[in-house]
mmCIF file of all heavy atoms, coordinates in Angstrom:
data_MODEL
# 
_entry.id   MODEL 
# 
loop_
_atom_site.group_PDB 
_atom_site.id 
_atom_site.type_symbol 
_atom_site.label_atom_id 
_atom_site.label_alt_id 
_atom_site.label_comp_id 
_atom_site.label_asym_id 
_atom_site.label_entity_id 
_atom_site.label_seq_id 
_atom_site.pdbx_PDB_ins_code 
_atom_site.Cartn_x 
_atom_site.Cartn_y 
_atom_site.Cartn_z 
_atom_site.occupancy 
_atom_site.B_iso_or_equiv 
_atom_site.pdbx_formal_charge 
_atom_site.auth_seq_id 
_atom_site.auth_comp_id 
_atom_site.auth_asym_id 
_atom_site.auth_atom_id 
_atom_site.pdbx_PDB_model_num 
ATOM 1   N N   . LEU A 1 1  ? -6.576  -6.158  -2.863 1.00 0.00 ? 1  LEU A N   1 
ATOM 2   C CA  . LEU A 1 1  ? -7.592  -5.583  -1.990 1.00 0.00 ? 1  LEU A CA  1 
ATOM 3   C C   . LEU A 1 1  ? -6.854  -4.875  -0.863 1.00 0.00 ? 1  LEU A C   1 
ATOM 4   O O   . LEU A 1 1  ? -6.169  -5.530  -0.061 1.00 0.00 ? 1  LEU A O   1 
ATOM 5   C CB  . LEU A 1 1  ? -8.506  -6.669  -1.418 1.00 0.00 ? 1  LEU A CB  1 
ATOM 6   C CG  . LEU A 1 1  ? -9.658  -7.177  -2.292 1.00 0.00 ? 1  LEU A CG  1 
ATOM 7   C CD1 . LEU A 1 1  ? -9.170  -7.732  -3.618 1.00 0.00 ? 1  LEU A CD1 1 
ATOM 8   C CD2 . LEU A 1 1  ? -10.455 -8.234  -1.529 1.00 0.00 ? 1  LEU A CD2 1 
ATOM 9   N N   . ARG A 1 2  ? -6.995  -3.554  -0.790 1.00 0.00 ? 2  ARG A N   1 
ATOM 10  C CA  . ARG A 1 2  ? -6.184  -2.779  0.152  1.00 0.00 ? 2  ARG A CA  1 
ATOM 11  C C   . ARG A 1 2  ? -7.031  -1.797  0.945  1.00 0.00 ? 2  ARG A C   1 
ATOM 12  O O   . ARG A 1 2  ? -7.744  -0.974  0.384  1.00 0.00 ? 2  ARG A O   1 
ATOM 13  C CB  . ARG A 1 2  ? -5.095  -2.012  -0.604 1.00 0.00 ? 2  ARG A CB  1 
ATOM 14  C CG  . ARG A 1 2  ? -4.077  -1.315  0.293  1.00 0.00 ? 2  ARG A CG  1 
ATOM 15  C CD  . ARG A 1 2  ? -3.113  -0.477  -0.519 1.00 0.00 ? 2  ARG A CD  1 
ATOM 16  N NE  . ARG A 1 2  ? -3.788  0.700   -1.071 1.00 0.00 ? 2  ARG A NE  1 
ATOM 17  C CZ  . ARG A 1 2  ? -3.414  1.309   -2.205 1.00 0.00 ? 2  ARG A CZ  1 
ATOM 18  N NH1 . ARG A 1 2  ? -2.406  0.831   -2.920 1.00 0.00 ? 2  ARG A NH1 1 
ATOM 19  N NH2 . ARG A 1 2  ? -4.076  2.377   -2.619 1.00 0.00 ? 2  ARG A NH2 1 
ATOM 20  N N   . GLU A 1 3  ? -6.954  -1.918  2.247  1.00 0.00 ? 3  GLU A N   1 
ATOM 21  C CA  . GLU A 1 3  ? -7.522  -0.926  3.164  1.00 0.00 ? 3  GLU A CA  1 
ATOM 22  C C   . GLU A 1 3  ? -9.018  -0.693  2.929  1.00 0.00 ? 3  GLU A C   1 
ATOM 23  O O   . GLU A 1 3  ? -9.516  0.424   3.074  1.00 0.00 ? 3  GLU A O   1 
ATOM 24  C CB  . GLU A 1 3  ? -6.739  0.396   3.090  1.00 0.00 ? 3  GLU A CB  1 
ATOM 25  C CG  . GLU A 1 3  ? -5.301  0.238   3.537  1.00 0.00 ? 3  GLU A CG  1 
ATOM 26  C CD  . GLU A 1 3  ? -4.497  1.518   3.487  1.00 0.00 ? 3  GLU A CD  1 
ATOM 27  O OE1 . GLU A 1 3  ? -5.074  2.572   3.153  1.00 0.00 ? 3  GLU A OE1 1 
ATOM 28  O OE2 . GLU A 1 3  ? -3.295  1.468   3.764  1.00 0.00 ? 3  GLU A OE2 1 
ATOM 29  N N   . ASN A 1 4  ? -9.721  -1.748  2.585  1.00 0.00 ? 4  ASN A N   1 
ATOM 30  C CA  . ASN A 1 4  ? -11.177 -1.673  2.544  1.00 0.00 ? 4  ASN A CA  1 
ATOM 31  C C   . ASN A 1 4  ? -11.739 -1.932  3.930  1.00 0.00 ? 4  ASN A C   1 
ATOM 32  O O   . ASN A 1 4  ? -11.161 -2.674  4.722  1.00 0.00 ? 4  ASN A O   1 
ATOM 33  C CB  . ASN A 1 4  ? -11.732 -2.720  1.569  1.00 0.00 ? 4  ASN A CB  1 
ATOM 34  C CG  . ASN A 1 4  ? -11.211 -2.514  0.161  1.00 0.00 ? 4  ASN A CG  1 
ATOM 35  O OD1 . ASN A 1 4  ? -11.625 -1.604  -0.537 1.00 0.00 ? 4  ASN A OD1 1 
ATOM 36  N ND2 . ASN A 1 4  ? -10.259 -3.358  -0.248 1.00 0.00 ? 4  ASN A ND2 1 
ATOM 37  N N   . THR A 1 5  ? -12.901 -1.339  4.215  1.00 0.00 ? 5  THR A N   1 
ATOM 38  C CA  . THR A 1 5  ? -13.635 -1.632  5.435  1.00 0.00 ? 5  THR A CA  1 
ATOM 39  C C   . THR A 1 5  ? -14.844 -2.481  5.080  1.00 0.00 ? 5  THR A C   1 
ATOM 40  O O   . THR A 1 5  ? -15.697 -2.057  4.285  1.00 0.00 ? 5  THR A O   1 
ATOM 41  C CB  . THR A 1 5  ? -14.086 -0.346  6.135  1.00 0.00 ? 5  THR A CB  1 
ATOM 42  O OG1 . THR A 1 5  ? -12.939 0.409   6.524  1.00 0.00 ? 5  THR A OG1 1 
ATOM 43  C CG2 . THR A 1 5  ? -14.912 -0.666  7.369  1.00 0.00 ? 5  THR A CG2 1 
ATOM 44  N N   . LEU A 1 6  ? -14.892 -3.695  5.634  1.00 0.00 ? 6  LEU A N   1 
ATOM 45  C CA  . LEU A 1 6  ? -15.990 -4.622  5.390  1.00 0.00 ? 6  LEU A CA  1 
ATOM 46  C C   . LEU A 1 6  ? -16.715 -4.838  6.706  1.00 0.00 ? 6  LEU A C   1 
ATOM 47  O O   . LEU A 1 6  ? -16.139 -5.396  7.652  1.00 0.00 ? 6  LEU A O   1 
ATOM 48  C CB  . LEU A 1 6  ? -15.467 -5.931  4.817  1.00 0.00 ? 6  LEU A CB  1 
ATOM 49  C CG  . LEU A 1 6  ? -14.797 -5.778  3.445  1.00 0.00 ? 6  LEU A CG  1 
ATOM 50  C CD1 . LEU A 1 6  ? -13.294 -5.976  3.567  1.00 0.00 ? 6  LEU A CD1 1 
ATOM 51  C CD2 . LEU A 1 6  ? -15.380 -6.761  2.447  1.00 0.00 ? 6  LEU A CD2 1 
ATOM 52  N N   . ALA A 1 7  ? -17.960 -4.374  6.765  1.00 0.00 ? 7  ALA A N   1 
ATOM 53  C CA  . ALA A 1 7  ? -18.677 -4.380  8.038  1.00 0.00 ? 7  ALA A CA  1 
ATOM 54  C C   . ALA A 1 7  ? -20.102 -4.874  7.862  1.00 0.00 ? 7  ALA A C   1 
ATOM 55  O O   . ALA A 1 7  ? -20.780 -4.534  6.877  1.00 0.00 ? 7  ALA A O   1 
ATOM 56  C CB  . ALA A 1 7  ? -18.697 -2.969  8.630  1.00 0.00 ? 7  ALA A CB  1 
ATOM 57  N N   . LEU A 1 8  ? -20.530 -5.702  8.809  1.00 0.00 ? 8  LEU A N   1 
ATOM 58  C CA  . LEU A 1 8  ? -21.930 -6.117  8.911  1.00 0.00 ? 8  LEU A CA  1 
ATOM 59  C C   . LEU A 1 8  ? -22.416 -6.888  7.689  1.00 0.00 ? 8  LEU A C   1 
ATOM 60  O O   . LEU A 1 8  ? -23.611 -6.917  7.409  1.00 0.00 ? 8  LEU A O   1 
ATOM 61  C CB  . LEU A 1 8  ? -22.840 -4.904  9.167  1.00 0.00 ? 8  LEU A CB  1 
ATOM 62  C CG  . LEU A 1 8  ? -22.487 -4.056  10.398 1.00 0.00 ? 8  LEU A CG  1 
ATOM 63  C CD1 . LEU A 1 8  ? -23.405 -2.851  10.481 1.00 0.00 ? 8  LEU A CD1 1 
ATOM 64  C CD2 . LEU A 1 8  ? -22.567 -4.890  11.683 1.00 0.00 ? 8  LEU A CD2 1 
ATOM 65  N N   . ASN A 1 9  ? -21.497 -7.491  6.966  1.00 0.00 ? 9  ASN A N   1 
ATOM 66  C CA  . ASN A 1 9  ? -21.877 -8.385  5.879  1.00 0.00 ? 9  ASN A CA  1 
ATOM 67  C C   . ASN A 1 9  ? -22.111 -9.791  6.425  1.00 0.00 ? 9  ASN A C   1 
ATOM 68  O O   . ASN A 1 9  ? -21.541 -10.184 7.448  1.00 0.00 ? 9  ASN A O   1 
ATOM 69  C CB  . ASN A 1 9  ? -20.769 -8.428  4.820  1.00 0.00 ? 9  ASN A CB  1 
ATOM 70  C CG  . ASN A 1 9  ? -20.453 -7.053  4.262  1.00 0.00 ? 9  ASN A CG  1 
ATOM 71  O OD1 . ASN A 1 9  ? -21.196 -6.504  3.453  1.00 0.00 ? 9  ASN A OD1 1 
ATOM 72  N ND2 . ASN A 1 9  ? -19.332 -6.474  4.702  1.00 0.00 ? 9  ASN A ND2 1 
ATOM 73  N N   . VAL A 1 10 ? -22.947 -10.575 5.755  1.00 0.00 ? 10 VAL A N   1 
ATOM 74  C CA  . VAL A 1 10 ? -23.076 -11.973 6.136  1.00 0.00 ? 10 VAL A CA  1 
ATOM 75  C C   . VAL A 1 10 ? -21.727 -12.662 5.971  1.00 0.00 ? 10 VAL A C   1 
ATOM 76  O O   . VAL A 1 10 ? -21.243 -13.363 6.862  1.00 0.00 ? 10 VAL A O   1 
ATOM 77  C CB  . VAL A 1 10 ? -24.165 -12.664 5.298  1.00 0.00 ? 10 VAL A CB  1 
ATOM 78  C CG1 . VAL A 1 10 ? -24.219 -14.159 5.633  1.00 0.00 ? 10 VAL A CG1 1 
ATOM 79  C CG2 . VAL A 1 10 ? -25.525 -12.010 5.534  1.00 0.00 ? 10 VAL A CG2 1 
ATOM 80  N N   . CYS A 1 11 ? -21.087 -12.445 4.829  1.00 0.00 ? 11 CYS A N   1 
ATOM 81  C CA  . CYS A 1 11 ? -19.730 -12.940 4.560  1.00 0.00 ? 11 CYS A CA  1 
ATOM 82  C C   . CYS A 1 11 ? -18.922 -11.787 3.984  1.00 0.00 ? 11 CYS A C   1 
ATOM 83  O O   . CYS A 1 11 ? -19.276 -11.259 2.924  1.00 0.00 ? 11 CYS A O   1 
ATOM 84  C CB  . CYS A 1 11 ? -19.778 -14.104 3.577  1.00 0.00 ? 11 CYS A CB  1 
ATOM 85  S SG  . CYS A 1 11 ? -18.143 -14.735 3.144  1.00 0.00 ? 11 CYS A SG  1 
ATOM 86  N N   . ALA A 1 12 ? -17.854 -11.388 4.650  1.00 0.00 ? 12 ALA A N   1 
ATOM 87  C CA  . ALA A 1 12 ? -17.074 -10.240 4.179  1.00 0.00 ? 12 ALA A CA  1 
ATOM 88  C C   . ALA A 1 12 ? -16.354 -10.554 2.864  1.00 0.00 ? 12 ALA A C   1 
ATOM 89  O O   . ALA A 1 12 ? -16.498 -9.835  1.880  1.00 0.00 ? 12 ALA A O   1 
ATOM 90  C CB  . ALA A 1 12 ? -16.085 -9.805  5.242  1.00 0.00 ? 12 ALA A CB  1 
ATOM 91  N N   . LEU A 1 13 ? -15.581 -11.627 2.857  1.00 0.00 ? 13 LEU A N   1 
ATOM 92  C CA  . LEU A 1 13 ? -14.855 -12.066 1.660  1.00 0.00 ? 13 LEU A CA  1 
ATOM 93  C C   . LEU A 1 13 ? -15.319 -13.478 1.330  1.00 0.00 ? 13 LEU A C   1 
ATOM 94  O O   . LEU A 1 13 ? -15.198 -14.385 2.153  1.00 0.00 ? 13 LEU A O   1 
ATOM 95  C CB  . LEU A 1 13 ? -13.348 -12.063 1.904  1.00 0.00 ? 13 LEU A CB  1 
ATOM 96  C CG  . LEU A 1 13 ? -12.708 -10.717 2.234  1.00 0.00 ? 13 LEU A CG  1 
ATOM 97  C CD1 . LEU A 1 13 ? -11.228 -10.898 2.548  1.00 0.00 ? 13 LEU A CD1 1 
ATOM 98  C CD2 . LEU A 1 13 ? -12.906 -9.721  1.101  1.00 0.00 ? 13 LEU A CD2 1 
ATOM 99  N N   . LYS A 1 14 ? -15.821 -13.655 0.118  1.00 0.00 ? 14 LYS A N   1 
ATOM 100 C CA  . LYS A 1 14 ? -16.366 -14.953 -0.267 1.00 0.00 ? 14 LYS A CA  1 
ATOM 101 C C   . LYS A 1 14 ? -15.612 -15.504 -1.465 1.00 0.00 ? 14 LYS A C   1 
ATOM 102 O O   . LYS A 1 14 ? -15.315 -14.774 -2.409 1.00 0.00 ? 14 LYS A O   1 
ATOM 103 C CB  . LYS A 1 14 ? -17.854 -14.822 -0.604 1.00 0.00 ? 14 LYS A CB  1 
ATOM 104 C CG  . LYS A 1 14 ? -18.525 -16.154 -0.925 1.00 0.00 ? 14 LYS A CG  1 
ATOM 105 C CD  . LYS A 1 14 ? -20.016 -15.968 -1.150 1.00 0.00 ? 14 LYS A CD  1 
ATOM 106 C CE  . LYS A 1 14 ? -20.684 -17.310 -1.439 1.00 0.00 ? 14 LYS A CE  1 
ATOM 107 N NZ  . LYS A 1 14 ? -22.147 -17.162 -1.665 1.00 0.00 ? 14 LYS A NZ  1 
ATOM 108 N N   . GLY A 1 15 ? -15.313 -16.813 -1.420 1.00 0.00 ? 15 GLY A N   1 
ATOM 109 C CA  . GLY A 1 15 ? -14.649 -17.465 -2.538 1.00 0.00 ? 15 GLY A CA  1 
ATOM 110 C C   . GLY A 1 15 ? -13.154 -17.578 -2.316 1.00 0.00 ? 15 GLY A C   1 
ATOM 111 O O   . GLY A 1 15 ? -12.607 -17.113 -1.317 1.00 0.00 ? 15 GLY A O   1 
ATOM 112 N N   . PRO A 1 16 ? -12.439 -18.204 -3.261 1.00 0.00 ? 16 PRO A N   1 
ATOM 113 C CA  . PRO A 1 16 ? -11.003 -18.430 -3.100 1.00 0.00 ? 16 PRO A CA  1 
ATOM 114 C C   . PRO A 1 16 ? -10.203 -17.141 -3.239 1.00 0.00 ? 16 PRO A C   1 
ATOM 115 O O   . PRO A 1 16 ? -10.369 -16.391 -4.195 1.00 0.00 ? 16 PRO A O   1 
ATOM 116 C CB  . PRO A 1 16 ? -10.673 -19.412 -4.231 1.00 0.00 ? 16 PRO A CB  1 
ATOM 117 C CG  . PRO A 1 16 ? -11.759 -19.228 -5.238 1.00 0.00 ? 16 PRO A CG  1 
ATOM 118 C CD  . PRO A 1 16 ? -12.980 -18.817 -4.494 1.00 0.00 ? 16 PRO A CD  1 
ATOM 119 N N   . LEU A 1 17 ? -9.328  -16.900 -2.261 1.00 0.00 ? 17 LEU A N   1 
ATOM 120 C CA  . LEU A 1 17 ? -8.523  -15.680 -2.249 1.00 0.00 ? 17 LEU A CA  1 
ATOM 121 C C   . LEU A 1 17 ? -7.095  -15.912 -2.725 1.00 0.00 ? 17 LEU A C   1 
ATOM 122 O O   . LEU A 1 17 ? -6.353  -14.950 -2.964 1.00 0.00 ? 17 LEU A O   1 
ATOM 123 C CB  . LEU A 1 17 ? -8.499  -15.105 -0.831 1.00 0.00 ? 17 LEU A CB  1 
ATOM 124 C CG  . LEU A 1 17 ? -9.869  -14.801 -0.219 1.00 0.00 ? 17 LEU A CG  1 
ATOM 125 C CD1 . LEU A 1 17 ? -9.706  -14.340 1.224  1.00 0.00 ? 17 LEU A CD1 1 
ATOM 126 C CD2 . LEU A 1 17 ? -10.622 -13.760 -1.034 1.00 0.00 ? 17 LEU A CD2 1 
ATOM 127 N N   . ASP A 1 18 ? -6.678  -17.172 -2.863 1.00 0.00 ? 18 ASP A N   1 
ATOM 128 C CA  . ASP A 1 18 ? -5.311  -17.477 -3.279 1.00 0.00 ? 18 ASP A CA  1 
ATOM 129 C C   . ASP A 1 18 ? -4.991  -16.795 -4.602 1.00 0.00 ? 18 ASP A C   1 
ATOM 130 O O   . ASP A 1 18 ? -5.799  -16.777 -5.536 1.00 0.00 ? 18 ASP A O   1 
ATOM 131 C CB  . ASP A 1 18 ? -5.121  -18.982 -3.439 1.00 0.00 ? 18 ASP A CB  1 
ATOM 132 C CG  . ASP A 1 18 ? -5.153  -19.718 -2.112 1.00 0.00 ? 18 ASP A CG  1 
ATOM 133 O OD1 . ASP A 1 18 ? -5.111  -19.046 -1.063 1.00 0.00 ? 18 ASP A OD1 1 
ATOM 134 O OD2 . ASP A 1 18 ? -5.258  -20.967 -2.124 1.00 0.00 ? 18 ASP A OD2 1 
ATOM 135 N N   . GLY A 1 19 ? -3.782  -16.240 -4.683 1.00 0.00 ? 19 GLY A N   1 
ATOM 136 C CA  . GLY A 1 19 ? -3.343  -15.578 -5.905 1.00 0.00 ? 19 GLY A CA  1 
ATOM 137 C C   . GLY A 1 19 ? -3.680  -14.111 -5.951 1.00 0.00 ? 19 GLY A C   1 
ATOM 138 O O   . GLY A 1 19 ? -3.332  -13.417 -6.916 1.00 0.00 ? 19 GLY A O   1 
ATOM 139 N N   . ASN A 1 20 ? -4.359  -13.610 -4.924 1.00 0.00 ? 20 ASN A N   1 
ATOM 140 C CA  . ASN A 1 20 ? -4.642  -12.190 -4.799 1.00 0.00 ? 20 ASN A CA  1 
ATOM 141 C C   . ASN A 1 20 ? -3.931  -11.642 -3.565 1.00 0.00 ? 20 ASN A C   1 
ATOM 142 O O   . ASN A 1 20 ? -3.554  -12.391 -2.667 1.00 0.00 ? 20 ASN A O   1 
ATOM 143 C CB  . ASN A 1 20 ? -6.153  -11.962 -4.695 1.00 0.00 ? 20 ASN A CB  1 
ATOM 144 C CG  . ASN A 1 20 ? -6.880  -12.446 -5.935 1.00 0.00 ? 20 ASN A CG  1 
ATOM 145 O OD1 . ASN A 1 20 ? -6.857  -11.795 -6.972 1.00 0.00 ? 20 ASN A OD1 1 
ATOM 146 N ND2 . ASN A 1 20 ? -7.524  -13.613 -5.840 1.00 0.00 ? 20 ASN A ND2 1 
ATOM 147 N N   . THR A 1 21 ? -3.747  -10.344 -3.507 1.00 0.00 ? 21 THR A N   1 
ATOM 148 C CA  . THR A 1 21 ? -3.017  -9.702  -2.419 1.00 0.00 ? 21 THR A CA  1 
ATOM 149 C C   . THR A 1 21 ? -3.984  -8.919  -1.550 1.00 0.00 ? 21 THR A C   1 
ATOM 150 O O   . THR A 1 21 ? -4.732  -8.072  -2.053 1.00 0.00 ? 21 THR A O   1 
ATOM 151 C CB  . THR A 1 21 ? -1.944  -8.755  -2.976 1.00 0.00 ? 21 THR A CB  1 
ATOM 152 O OG1 . THR A 1 21 ? -1.038  -9.505  -3.799 1.00 0.00 ? 21 THR A OG1 1 
ATOM 153 C CG2 . THR A 1 21 ? -1.166  -8.093  -1.848 1.00 0.00 ? 21 THR A CG2 1 
ATOM 154 N N   . LEU A 1 22 ? -3.967  -9.193  -0.233 1.00 0.00 ? 22 LEU A N   1 
ATOM 155 C CA  . LEU A 1 22 ? -4.817  -8.490  0.725  1.00 0.00 ? 22 LEU A CA  1 
ATOM 156 C C   . LEU A 1 22 ? -3.935  -7.704  1.678  1.00 0.00 ? 22 LEU A C   1 
ATOM 157 O O   . LEU A 1 22 ? -3.020  -8.274  2.299  1.00 0.00 ? 22 LEU A O   1 
ATOM 158 C CB  . LEU A 1 22 ? -5.687  -9.477  1.499  1.00 0.00 ? 22 LEU A CB  1 
ATOM 159 C CG  . LEU A 1 22 ? -6.979  -9.958  0.820  1.00 0.00 ? 22 LEU A CG  1 
ATOM 160 C CD1 . LEU A 1 22 ? -6.684  -10.769 -0.434 1.00 0.00 ? 22 LEU A CD1 1 
ATOM 161 C CD2 . LEU A 1 22 ? -7.823  -10.760 1.801  1.00 0.00 ? 22 LEU A CD2 1 
ATOM 162 N N   . ILE A 1 23 ? -4.197  -6.399  1.785  1.00 0.00 ? 23 ILE A N   1 
ATOM 163 C CA  . ILE A 1 23 ? -3.354  -5.517  2.583  1.00 0.00 ? 23 ILE A CA  1 
ATOM 164 C C   . ILE A 1 23 ? -4.237  -4.651  3.491  1.00 0.00 ? 23 ILE A C   1 
ATOM 165 O O   . ILE A 1 23 ? -5.034  -3.837  3.008  1.00 0.00 ? 23 ILE A O   1 
ATOM 166 C CB  . ILE A 1 23 ? -2.494  -4.590  1.692  1.00 0.00 ? 23 ILE A CB  1 
ATOM 167 C CG1 . ILE A 1 23 ? -1.642  -5.394  0.711  1.00 0.00 ? 23 ILE A CG1 1 
ATOM 168 C CG2 . ILE A 1 23 ? -1.624  -3.683  2.550  1.00 0.00 ? 23 ILE A CG2 1 
ATOM 169 C CD1 . ILE A 1 23 ? -0.953  -4.550  -0.343 1.00 0.00 ? 23 ILE A CD1 1 
ATOM 170 N N   . GLU A 1 24 ? -4.138  -4.857  4.785  1.00 0.00 ? 24 GLU A N   1 
ATOM 171 C CA  . GLU A 1 24 ? -4.705  -3.959  5.798  1.00 0.00 ? 24 GLU A CA  1 
ATOM 172 C C   . GLU A 1 24 ? -6.191  -3.677  5.590  1.00 0.00 ? 24 GLU A C   1 
ATOM 173 O O   . GLU A 1 24 ? -6.649  -2.541  5.750  1.00 0.00 ? 24 GLU A O   1 
ATOM 174 C CB  . GLU A 1 24 ? -3.903  -2.651  5.850  1.00 0.00 ? 24 GLU A CB  1 
ATOM 175 C CG  . GLU A 1 24 ? -2.468  -2.854  6.304  1.00 0.00 ? 24 GLU A CG  1 
ATOM 176 C CD  . GLU A 1 24 ? -1.678  -1.573  6.420  1.00 0.00 ? 24 GLU A CD  1 
ATOM 177 O OE1 . GLU A 1 24 ? -2.235  -0.490  6.141  1.00 0.00 ? 24 GLU A OE1 1 
ATOM 178 O OE2 . GLU A 1 24 ? -0.494  -1.643  6.787  1.00 0.00 ? 24 GLU A OE2 1 
ATOM 179 N N   . ASN A 1 25 ? -6.951  -4.684  5.234  1.00 0.00 ? 25 ASN A N   1 
ATOM 180 C CA  . ASN A 1 25 ? -8.401  -4.537  5.206  1.00 0.00 ? 25 ASN A CA  1 
ATOM 181 C C   . ASN A 1 25 ? -8.936  -4.640  6.636  1.00 0.00 ? 25 ASN A C   1 
ATOM 182 O O   . ASN A 1 25 ? -8.356  -5.305  7.492  1.00 0.00 ? 25 ASN A O   1 
ATOM 183 C CB  . ASN A 1 25 ? -9.014  -5.606  4.310  1.00 0.00 ? 25 ASN A CB  1 
ATOM 184 C CG  . ASN A 1 25 ? -8.564  -5.458  2.865  1.00 0.00 ? 25 ASN A CG  1 
ATOM 185 O OD1 . ASN A 1 25 ? -9.005  -4.577  2.148  1.00 0.00 ? 25 ASN A OD1 1 
ATOM 186 N ND2 . ASN A 1 25 ? -7.634  -6.323  2.446  1.00 0.00 ? 25 ASN A ND2 1 
ATOM 187 N N   . VAL A 1 26 ? -10.066 -3.984  6.881  1.00 0.00 ? 26 VAL A N   1 
ATOM 188 C CA  . VAL A 1 26 ? -10.648 -3.917  8.223  1.00 0.00 ? 26 VAL A CA  1 
ATOM 189 C C   . VAL A 1 26 ? -11.981 -4.659  8.217  1.00 0.00 ? 26 VAL A C   1 
ATOM 190 O O   . VAL A 1 26 ? -12.818 -4.446  7.331  1.00 0.00 ? 26 VAL A O   1 
ATOM 191 C CB  . VAL A 1 26 ? -10.860 -2.453  8.646  1.00 0.00 ? 26 VAL A CB  1 
ATOM 192 C CG1 . VAL A 1 26 ? -11.557 -2.375  10.003 1.00 0.00 ? 26 VAL A CG1 1 
ATOM 193 C CG2 . VAL A 1 26 ? -9.524  -1.709  8.690  1.00 0.00 ? 26 VAL A CG2 1 
ATOM 194 N N   . PHE A 1 27 ? -12.171 -5.520  9.207  1.00 0.00 ? 27 PHE A N   1 
ATOM 195 C CA  . PHE A 1 27 ? -13.378 -6.338  9.308  1.00 0.00 ? 27 PHE A CA  1 
ATOM 196 C C   . PHE A 1 27 ? -14.101 -5.989  10.602 1.00 0.00 ? 27 PHE A C   1 
ATOM 197 O O   . PHE A 1 27 ? -13.497 -6.026  11.685 1.00 0.00 ? 27 PHE A O   1 
ATOM 198 C CB  . PHE A 1 27 ? -13.012 -7.818  9.287  1.00 0.00 ? 27 PHE A CB  1 
ATOM 199 C CG  . PHE A 1 27 ? -12.289 -8.241  8.034  1.00 0.00 ? 27 PHE A CG  1 
ATOM 200 C CD1 . PHE A 1 27 ? -10.903 -8.155  7.952  1.00 0.00 ? 27 PHE A CD1 1 
ATOM 201 C CD2 . PHE A 1 27 ? -12.993 -8.701  6.935  1.00 0.00 ? 27 PHE A CD2 1 
ATOM 202 C CE1 . PHE A 1 27 ? -10.236 -8.537  6.799  1.00 0.00 ? 27 PHE A CE1 1 
ATOM 203 C CE2 . PHE A 1 27 ? -12.334 -9.095  5.780  1.00 0.00 ? 27 PHE A CE2 1 
ATOM 204 C CZ  . PHE A 1 27 ? -10.955 -9.007  5.713  1.00 0.00 ? 27 PHE A CZ  1 
ATOM 205 N N   . GLN A 1 28 ? -15.394 -5.658  10.476 1.00 0.00 ? 28 GLN A N   1 
ATOM 206 C CA  . GLN A 1 28 ? -16.157 -5.255  11.657 1.00 0.00 ? 28 GLN A CA  1 
ATOM 207 C C   . GLN A 1 28 ? -17.550 -5.883  11.632 1.00 0.00 ? 28 GLN A C   1 
ATOM 208 O O   . GLN A 1 28 ? -18.342 -5.595  10.733 1.00 0.00 ? 28 GLN A O   1 
ATOM 209 C CB  . GLN A 1 28 ? -16.297 -3.729  11.704 1.00 0.00 ? 28 GLN A CB  1 
ATOM 210 C CG  . GLN A 1 28 ? -14.988 -2.965  11.802 1.00 0.00 ? 28 GLN A CG  1 
ATOM 211 C CD  . GLN A 1 28 ? -15.159 -1.466  11.695 1.00 0.00 ? 28 GLN A CD  1 
ATOM 212 O OE1 . GLN A 1 28 ? -16.154 -0.969  11.181 1.00 0.00 ? 28 GLN A OE1 1 
ATOM 213 N NE2 . GLN A 1 28 ? -14.175 -0.735  12.185 1.00 0.00 ? 28 GLN A NE2 1 
# 
């Protein structure tokens, strides 16, 4: 998951994230 913008969600990222790569995502 790279450089996504996640805004105004009830939950931006839901569930287990281990084993995945997160790079420079933006949360608003």
